C-alpha cells in the first residue's frame, strides 16, 4: 500500500518535467522503498549511492557549520542527480538531463517531498 502511494507520487513527479529521467524514495540506510528508474539503473546500487552521498553531505554540512543538510546536488556531463531529505529517514533522489531547469526541478521535488512526508 505505502509503496504504491510512493510510486504514485514519484510517477507524478516524473511527469512534471521531460527532464526528469528517474526518481526514487530511499531510506537513509539505502533501502529503495519505491522507484521509477530507467532499465539501465540498478535499484540497489542507486539506493546505496544515495545513502552514502547523503551521509557524506550531512557530515560535511555539519562540520563546515552550514546547519542541517537540505540537498545534495551532483552535476555530471550528462545531467544532474539531486537528493533531498523527505523527513528523518527518507530521501528523494531525482536524475535529470543536462538541460534541466534546476529551479523548476527544485520546486517539483519540494512538492513531492511534502507528499512523501505525509505518506511516511
C-alpha atoms as a PDB file:
ATOM      1  CA  UNK A   1       0.000   0.000   0.000  1.00  0.00           C
ATOM      2  CA  UNK A   2       2.676   2.525   1.053  1.00  0.00           C
ATOM      3  CA  UNK A   3       4.910   1.522  -1.877  1.00  0.00           C
ATOM      4  CA  UNK A   4       2.006   2.135  -4.282  1.00  0.00           C
ATOM      5  CA  UNK A   5       1.385   5.569  -2.761  1.00  0.00           C
ATOM      6  CA  UNK A   6       5.073   6.459  -3.008  1.00  0.00           C
ATOM      7  CA  UNK A   7       5.216   5.201  -6.583  1.00  0.00           C
ATOM      8  CA  UNK A   8       2.215   7.368  -7.431  1.00  0.00           C
ATOM      9  CA  UNK A   9       3.967  10.474  -6.069  1.00  0.00           C
ATOM     10  CA  UNK A  10       7.149   9.589  -7.989  1.00  0.00           C
ATOM     11  CA  UNK A  11       5.172   8.985 -11.168  1.00  0.00           C
ATOM     12  CA  UNK A  12       3.557  12.391 -10.806  1.00  0.00           C
ATOM     13  CA  UNK A  13       6.987  13.946 -10.166  1.00  0.00           C
ATOM     14  CA  UNK A  14       8.471  12.307 -13.267  1.00  0.00           C
ATOM     15  CA  UNK A  15       5.503  13.572 -15.272  1.00  0.00           C
ATOM     16  CA  UNK A  16       6.065  17.208 -14.277  1.00  0.00           C
ATOM     17  CA  UNK A  17       9.123  17.558 -16.500  1.00  0.00           C
ATOM     18  CA  UNK A  18      10.524  15.745 -19.513  1.00  0.00           C
ATOM     19  CA  UNK A  19      13.940  16.476 -17.993  1.00  0.00           C
ATOM     20  CA  UNK A  20      13.336  14.122 -15.045  1.00  0.00           C
ATOM     21  CA  UNK A  21      14.602  10.732 -16.161  1.00  0.00           C
ATOM     22  CA  UNK A  22      14.295   8.778 -12.909  1.00  0.00           C
ATOM     23  CA  UNK A  23      13.267   9.156  -9.283  1.00  0.00           C
ATOM     24  CA  UNK A  24      13.278   7.105  -6.113  1.00  0.00           C
ATOM     25  CA  UNK A  25      12.254   7.241  -2.463  1.00  0.00           C
ATOM     26  CA  UNK A  26      15.096   5.738  -0.449  1.00  0.00           C
ATOM     27  CA  UNK A  27      15.539   5.145   3.266  1.00  0.00           C
ATOM     28  CA  UNK A  28      18.593   6.790   4.806  1.00  0.00           C
ATOM     29  CA  UNK A  29      20.163   3.334   5.163  1.00  0.00           C
ATOM     30  CA  UNK A  30      19.949   2.775   1.403  1.00  0.00           C
ATOM     31  CA  UNK A  31      16.797   0.675   1.018  1.00  0.00           C
ATOM     32  CA  UNK A  32      14.770   1.681  -2.045  1.00  0.00           C
ATOM     33  CA  UNK A  33      11.132   1.944  -0.949  1.00  0.00           C
ATOM     34  CA  UNK A  34       9.773   2.916  -4.376  1.00  0.00           C
ATOM     35  CA  UNK A  35      11.351   3.934  -7.639  1.00  0.00           C
ATOM     36  CA  UNK A  36      10.787   4.799 -11.243  1.00  0.00           C
ATOM     37  CA  UNK A  37      14.178   4.146 -12.785  1.00  0.00           C
ATOM     38  CA  UNK A  38      15.331   3.549 -16.330  1.00  0.00           C
ATOM     39  CA  UNK A  39      16.256  -0.014 -17.237  1.00  0.00           C
ATOM     40  CA  UNK A  40      19.985   0.752 -17.156  1.00  0.00           C
ATOM     41  CA  UNK A  41      19.876   1.777 -13.473  1.00  0.00           C
ATOM     42  CA  UNK A  42      20.279  -0.826 -10.747  1.00  0.00           C
ATOM     43  CA  UNK A  43      17.872  -0.080  -7.893  1.00  0.00           C
ATOM     44  CA  UNK A  44      20.147  -1.454  -5.152  1.00  0.00           C
ATOM     45  CA  UNK A  45      23.134   0.498  -6.430  1.00  0.00           C
ATOM     46  CA  UNK A  46      21.109   3.719  -6.635  1.00  0.00           C
ATOM     47  CA  UNK A  47      19.949   3.201  -3.042  1.00  0.00           C
ATOM     48  CA  UNK A  48      23.439   2.519  -1.728  1.00  0.00           C
ATOM     49  CA  UNK A  49      24.965   5.505  -3.536  1.00  0.00           C
ATOM     50  CA  UNK A  50      22.221   7.869  -2.385  1.00  0.00           C
ATOM     51  CA  UNK A  51      22.661   6.777   1.234  1.00  0.00           C
ATOM     52  CA  UNK A  52      26.444   7.217   1.027  1.00  0.00           C
ATOM     53  CA  UNK A  53      26.204  10.645  -0.612  1.00  0.00           C
ATOM     54  CA  UNK A  54      23.604  11.812   1.867  1.00  0.00           C
ATOM     55  CA  UNK A  55      25.662  10.654   4.821  1.00  0.00           C
ATOM     56  CA  UNK A  56      28.721  12.463   3.493  1.00  0.00           C
ATOM     57  CA  UNK A  57      26.664  15.559   2.705  1.00  0.00           C
ATOM     58  CA  UNK A  58      25.208  15.643   6.231  1.00  0.00           C
ATOM     59  CA  UNK A  59      28.634  15.338   7.798  1.00  0.00           C
ATOM     60  CA  UNK A  60      30.103  17.997   5.501  1.00  0.00           C
ATOM     61  CA  UNK A  61      27.254  20.407   6.202  1.00  0.00           C
ATOM     62  CA  UNK A  62      27.619  19.938   9.957  1.00  0.00           C
ATOM     63  CA  UNK A  63      31.428  20.077  10.030  1.00  0.00           C
ATOM     64  CA  UNK A  64      31.522  23.272   7.973  1.00  0.00           C
ATOM     65  CA  UNK A  65      28.833  24.940  10.066  1.00  0.00           C
ATOM     66  CA  UNK A  66      26.153  25.023   7.364  1.00  0.00           C
ATOM     67  CA  UNK A  67      23.428  23.544   9.575  1.00  0.00           C
ATOM     68  CA  UNK A  68      21.144  20.656   8.735  1.00  0.00           C
ATOM     69  CA  UNK A  69      21.535  19.233   5.247  1.00  0.00           C
ATOM     70  CA  UNK A  70      18.720  20.007   2.818  1.00  0.00           C
ATOM     71  CA  UNK A  71      20.020  18.739  -0.515  1.00  0.00           C
ATOM     72  CA  UNK A  72      22.936  17.130  -2.275  1.00  0.00           C
ATOM     73  CA  UNK A  73      23.368  18.079  -5.927  1.00  0.00           C
ATOM     74  CA  UNK A  74      25.738  16.258  -8.247  1.00  0.00           C
ATOM     75  CA  UNK A  75      26.370  17.678 -11.711  1.00  0.00           C
ATOM     76  CA  UNK A  76      27.759  15.414 -14.371  1.00  0.00           C
ATOM     77  CA  UNK A  77      28.328  15.808 -18.087  1.00  0.00           C
ATOM     78  CA  UNK A  78      25.031  14.049 -18.846  1.00  0.00           C
ATOM     79  CA  UNK A  79      22.899  15.746 -16.191  1.00  0.00           C
ATOM     80  CA  UNK A  80      22.157  16.109 -12.506  1.00  0.00           C
ATOM     81  CA  UNK A  81      21.439  13.890  -9.530  1.00  0.00           C
ATOM     82  CA  UNK A  82      19.513  15.644  -6.758  1.00  0.00           C
ATOM     83  CA  UNK A  83      18.985  14.142  -3.323  1.00  0.00           C
ATOM     84  CA  UNK A  84      16.596  15.839  -0.906  1.00  0.00           C
ATOM     85  CA  UNK A  85      15.582  14.844   2.609  1.00  0.00           C
ATOM     86  CA  UNK A  86      11.921  13.896   2.942  1.00  0.00           C
ATOM     87  CA  UNK A  87      11.622  13.534   6.689  1.00  0.00           C
ATOM     88  CA  UNK A  88      14.014  11.977   9.167  1.00  0.00           C
ATOM     89  CA  UNK A  89      14.524   8.637   7.418  1.00  0.00           C
ATOM     90  CA  UNK A  90      13.672   9.180   3.736  1.00  0.00           C
ATOM     91  CA  UNK A  91      15.494  10.681   0.776  1.00  0.00           C
ATOM     92  CA  UNK A  92      14.040  11.566  -2.615  1.00  0.00           C
ATOM     93  CA  UNK A  93      16.564  11.091  -5.416  1.00  0.00           C
ATOM     94  CA  UNK A  94      15.960  12.548  -8.872  1.00  0.00           C
ATOM     95  CA  UNK A  95      18.041  12.064 -12.023  1.00  0.00           C
ATOM     96  CA  UNK A  96      17.718  14.739 -14.733  1.00  0.00           C
ATOM     97  CA  UNK A  97      19.057  15.669 -18.138  1.00  0.00           C
ATOM     98  CA  UNK A  98      21.866  18.198 -18.518  1.00  0.00           C
ATOM     99  CA  UNK A  99      19.419  20.781 -19.896  1.00  0.00           C
ATOM    100  CA  UNK A 100      17.096  20.586 -16.882  1.00  0.00           C
ATOM    101  CA  UNK A 101      15.951  23.888 -15.423  1.00  0.00           C
ATOM    102  CA  UNK A 102      17.014  23.363 -11.828  1.00  0.00           C
ATOM    103  CA  UNK A 103      14.702  25.989 -10.336  1.00  0.00           C
ATOM    104  CA  UNK A 104      11.665  24.157 -11.682  1.00  0.00           C
ATOM    105  CA  UNK A 105      13.073  20.767 -10.684  1.00  0.00           C
ATOM    106  CA  UNK A 106      13.677  22.028  -7.117  1.00  0.00           C
ATOM    107  CA  UNK A 107      10.092  23.265  -6.952  1.00  0.00           C
ATOM    108  CA  UNK A 108       8.646  19.984  -8.267  1.00  0.00           C
ATOM    109  CA  UNK A 109      10.815  17.940  -5.892  1.00  0.00           C
ATOM    110  CA  UNK A 110       9.775  20.142  -2.951  1.00  0.00           C
ATOM    111  CA  UNK A 111       6.103  19.395  -3.708  1.00  0.00           C
ATOM    112  CA  UNK A 112       6.812  15.669  -3.996  1.00  0.00           C
ATOM    113  CA  UNK A 113       8.755  15.728  -0.708  1.00  0.00           C
ATOM    114  CA  UNK A 114       5.739  17.226   1.082  1.00  0.00           C
ATOM    115  CA  UNK A 115       3.519  14.426  -0.264  1.00  0.00           C
ATOM    116  CA  UNK A 116       6.064  11.771   0.685  1.00  0.00           C
ATOM    117  CA  UNK A 117       6.359  13.151   4.226  1.00  0.00           C
ATOM    118  CA  UNK A 118       2.592  12.671   4.627  1.00  0.00           C
ATOM    119  CA  UNK A 119       2.849   9.063   3.443  1.00  0.00           C
ATOM    120  CA  UNK A 120       5.763   8.243   5.724  1.00  0.00           C
END
